[in-house]
Amino acid sequence: MPFPLPEPMRVALEQAEAAAQAGEVPVGAVIARRGEVIAAAPNAMRTENDPTAHAEMMALRAAGRALGTSRLDGYDLWVTLEPCAMCAGAIALARIKRLYFAAPDPKGGAVLHGPRLFAQPTCHHAPEIYPGIGEGPAAAMLRIFFKERRSF
């Protein structure tokens, strides 16, 4: 029997599914502290007509509004796909304590791939990184989404 996913990652996967249903790339993100979800969001680039409306950015914005601060010291980000450079930069600026992500993104990721933003000497804050949690379901959702798009 596989180990059950932590609640924040389950919610992130639900958000990714909501994104897919809206025609968005299926990525979901959650801001949590001690397992309690503070904010959750799906990708919304198409629905918001906003190229910065990645799930991570939307969740960071929602958490900032909910908490009344741009500094999320002590909070964790759970996301279904390795963050891109834009999102990794925002994660550093928000001072996220821990980053949990499901599927790696060798093409567009910026944490373990590409620029490896948190390893750069110019990065003033790097979260603890925990990859691969929920990778199977997150990667399957992405594969199905893009396979359906390529069959047109």
Protein backbone atom coordinates (compact mmCIF):
# COMPACT_ATOMS: atom_id res chain seq x y z
CA MET A 1 0.00 0.00 0.00
CA PRO A 2 1.47 3.38 -0.95
CA PHE A 3 2.09 5.98 1.71
CA PRO A 4 -0.85 8.43 1.88
CA LEU A 5 -0.05 11.91 0.59
CA PRO A 6 -0.01 14.78 3.08
CA GLU A 7 -3.17 16.88 3.04
CA PRO A 8 -1.53 19.95 1.44
CA MET A 9 -0.36 17.88 -1.54
CA ARG A 10 -3.78 16.28 -1.90
CA VAL A 11 -5.29 19.78 -2.04
CA ALA A 12 -2.63 20.87 -4.56
CA LEU A 13 -3.54 17.89 -6.77
CA GLU A 14 -7.23 18.86 -6.52
CA GLN A 15 -6.27 22.37 -7.61
CA ALA A 16 -4.32 20.91 -10.55
CA GLU A 17 -7.38 18.94 -11.59
CA ALA A 18 -9.47 22.13 -11.41
CA ALA A 19 -6.91 23.84 -13.64
CA ALA A 20 -7.16 21.03 -16.20
CA GLN A 21 -10.97 21.23 -16.17
CA ALA A 22 -10.64 24.96 -16.96
CA GLY A 23 -8.30 24.24 -19.88
CA GLU A 24 -5.22 25.33 -17.97
CA VAL A 25 -1.99 23.34 -17.59
CA PRO A 26 -2.78 21.13 -14.57
CA VAL A 27 -0.69 22.65 -11.81
CA GLY A 28 -1.93 23.39 -8.32
CA ALA A 29 -0.29 25.04 -5.34
CA VAL A 30 -0.96 25.36 -1.62
CA ILE A 31 0.51 27.53 1.13
CA ALA A 32 0.36 25.79 4.50
CA ARG A 33 1.76 25.97 8.00
CA ARG A 34 1.99 22.86 10.19
CA GLY A 35 -0.28 21.11 7.69
CA GLU A 36 -3.01 23.77 7.84
CA VAL A 37 -3.89 25.12 4.40
CA ILE A 38 -3.81 28.94 4.30
CA ALA A 39 -4.27 29.40 0.53
CA ALA A 40 -4.73 27.18 -2.52
CA ALA A 41 -4.79 27.98 -6.22
CA PRO A 42 -4.73 26.41 -9.67
CA ASN A 43 -2.88 27.68 -12.72
CA ALA A 44 -4.95 30.54 -14.16
CA MET A 45 -2.93 32.05 -17.00
CA ARG A 46 -5.65 31.63 -19.62
CA THR A 47 -8.65 32.36 -17.42
CA GLU A 48 -6.98 35.46 -15.94
CA ASN A 49 -5.29 36.52 -19.21
CA ASP A 50 -2.16 36.90 -17.09
CA PRO A 51 1.16 35.25 -17.94
CA THR A 52 2.18 35.48 -14.26
CA ALA A 53 -0.89 33.62 -13.00
CA HIS A 54 1.00 30.39 -12.30
CA ALA A 55 -0.46 28.34 -9.43
CA GLU A 56 2.46 29.24 -7.15
CA MET A 57 2.06 32.97 -7.81
CA MET A 58 -1.69 32.80 -7.24
CA ALA A 59 -1.25 30.90 -3.96
CA LEU A 60 1.46 33.31 -2.76
CA ARG A 61 -0.80 36.29 -3.55
CA ALA A 62 -3.78 34.71 -1.78
CA ALA A 63 -1.69 33.86 1.30
CA GLY A 64 -0.26 37.38 1.42
CA ARG A 65 -3.77 38.87 1.31
CA ALA A 66 -5.10 36.41 3.92
CA LEU A 67 -2.19 37.04 6.30
CA GLY A 68 -1.72 40.74 5.58
CA THR A 69 1.97 40.37 4.74
CA SER A 70 4.28 39.64 1.84
CA ARG A 71 6.68 37.74 4.11
CA LEU A 72 5.66 34.13 4.55
CA ASP A 73 8.41 33.12 6.97
CA GLY A 74 7.59 29.73 8.48
CA TYR A 75 5.12 28.78 5.74
CA ASP A 76 5.45 25.91 3.28
CA LEU A 77 4.59 25.80 -0.41
CA TRP A 78 3.26 22.57 -1.89
CA VAL A 79 3.06 22.46 -5.69
CA THR A 80 2.44 19.72 -8.24
CA LEU A 81 5.27 20.73 -10.62
CA GLU A 82 8.82 22.00 -10.08
CA PRO A 83 8.61 25.81 -10.07
CA CYS A 84 9.89 27.89 -12.98
CA ALA A 85 12.37 30.75 -12.57
CA MET A 86 9.64 33.37 -12.01
CA CYS A 87 7.97 31.31 -9.31
CA ALA A 88 11.26 30.31 -7.68
CA GLY A 89 12.17 34.00 -7.46
CA ALA A 90 8.84 34.79 -5.82
CA ILE A 91 9.28 31.88 -3.40
CA ALA A 92 12.65 33.30 -2.33
CA LEU A 93 11.24 36.81 -1.95
CA ALA A 94 8.33 35.50 0.14
CA ARG A 95 10.81 33.67 2.40
CA ILE A 96 8.97 30.34 2.11
CA LYS A 97 10.46 27.91 4.64
CA ARG A 98 9.95 24.62 2.77
CA LEU A 99 9.14 23.84 -0.85
CA TYR A 100 7.50 20.50 -1.59
CA PHE A 101 6.93 19.66 -5.24
CA ALA A 102 5.60 16.60 -7.00
CA ALA A 103 6.84 16.26 -10.58
CA PRO A 104 10.23 17.47 -11.79
CA ASP A 105 10.30 19.78 -14.82
CA PRO A 106 13.55 19.23 -16.74
CA LYS A 107 12.46 21.68 -19.47
CA GLY A 108 11.08 24.62 -17.48
CA GLY A 109 11.97 23.97 -13.84
CA ALA A 110 14.38 26.28 -12.04
CA VAL A 111 14.90 24.50 -8.72
CA LEU A 112 16.66 21.22 -9.57
CA HIS A 113 16.90 21.98 -13.30
CA GLY A 114 17.83 24.94 -15.48
CA PRO A 115 19.18 27.88 -13.49
CA ARG A 116 18.85 26.15 -10.08
CA LEU A 117 17.88 29.52 -8.67
CA PHE A 118 18.20 28.69 -4.99
CA ALA A 119 21.83 27.59 -5.47
CA GLN A 120 22.86 30.93 -6.98
CA PRO A 121 25.02 33.23 -4.82
CA THR A 122 22.65 36.12 -5.61
CA CYS A 123 19.70 34.27 -4.05
CA HIS A 124 19.23 35.76 -0.58
CA HIS A 125 16.84 33.08 0.71
CA ALA A 126 16.54 29.42 -0.21
CA PRO A 127 13.81 27.17 1.15
CA GLU A 128 14.36 23.59 2.16
CA ILE A 129 13.45 21.50 -0.91
CA TYR A 130 11.52 18.22 -0.89
CA PRO A 131 10.90 16.90 -4.43
CA GLY A 132 8.90 13.89 -5.59
CA ILE A 133 5.98 13.94 -3.13
CA GLY A 134 2.96 12.99 -5.23
CA GLU A 135 5.06 12.73 -8.39
CA GLY A 136 3.07 9.82 -9.86
CA PRO A 137 -0.38 11.43 -9.92
CA ALA A 138 0.97 14.88 -10.83
CA ALA A 139 3.05 13.58 -13.74
CA ALA A 140 0.16 11.41 -14.99
CA MET A 141 -2.17 14.42 -14.98
CA LEU A 142 0.34 16.46 -17.01
CA ARG A 143 0.95 13.61 -19.50
CA ILE A 144 -2.78 13.15 -20.09
CA PHE A 145 -3.35 16.89 -20.48
CA PHE A 146 -0.62 17.35 -23.08
CA LYS A 147 -1.44 14.10 -24.91
CA GLU A 148 -5.01 15.33 -25.37
CA ARG A 149 -3.75 18.69 -26.68
CA ARG A 150 -1.35 17.07 -29.17
CA SER A 151 -4.05 14.83 -30.65
CA PHE A 152 -5.92 17.77 -32.22
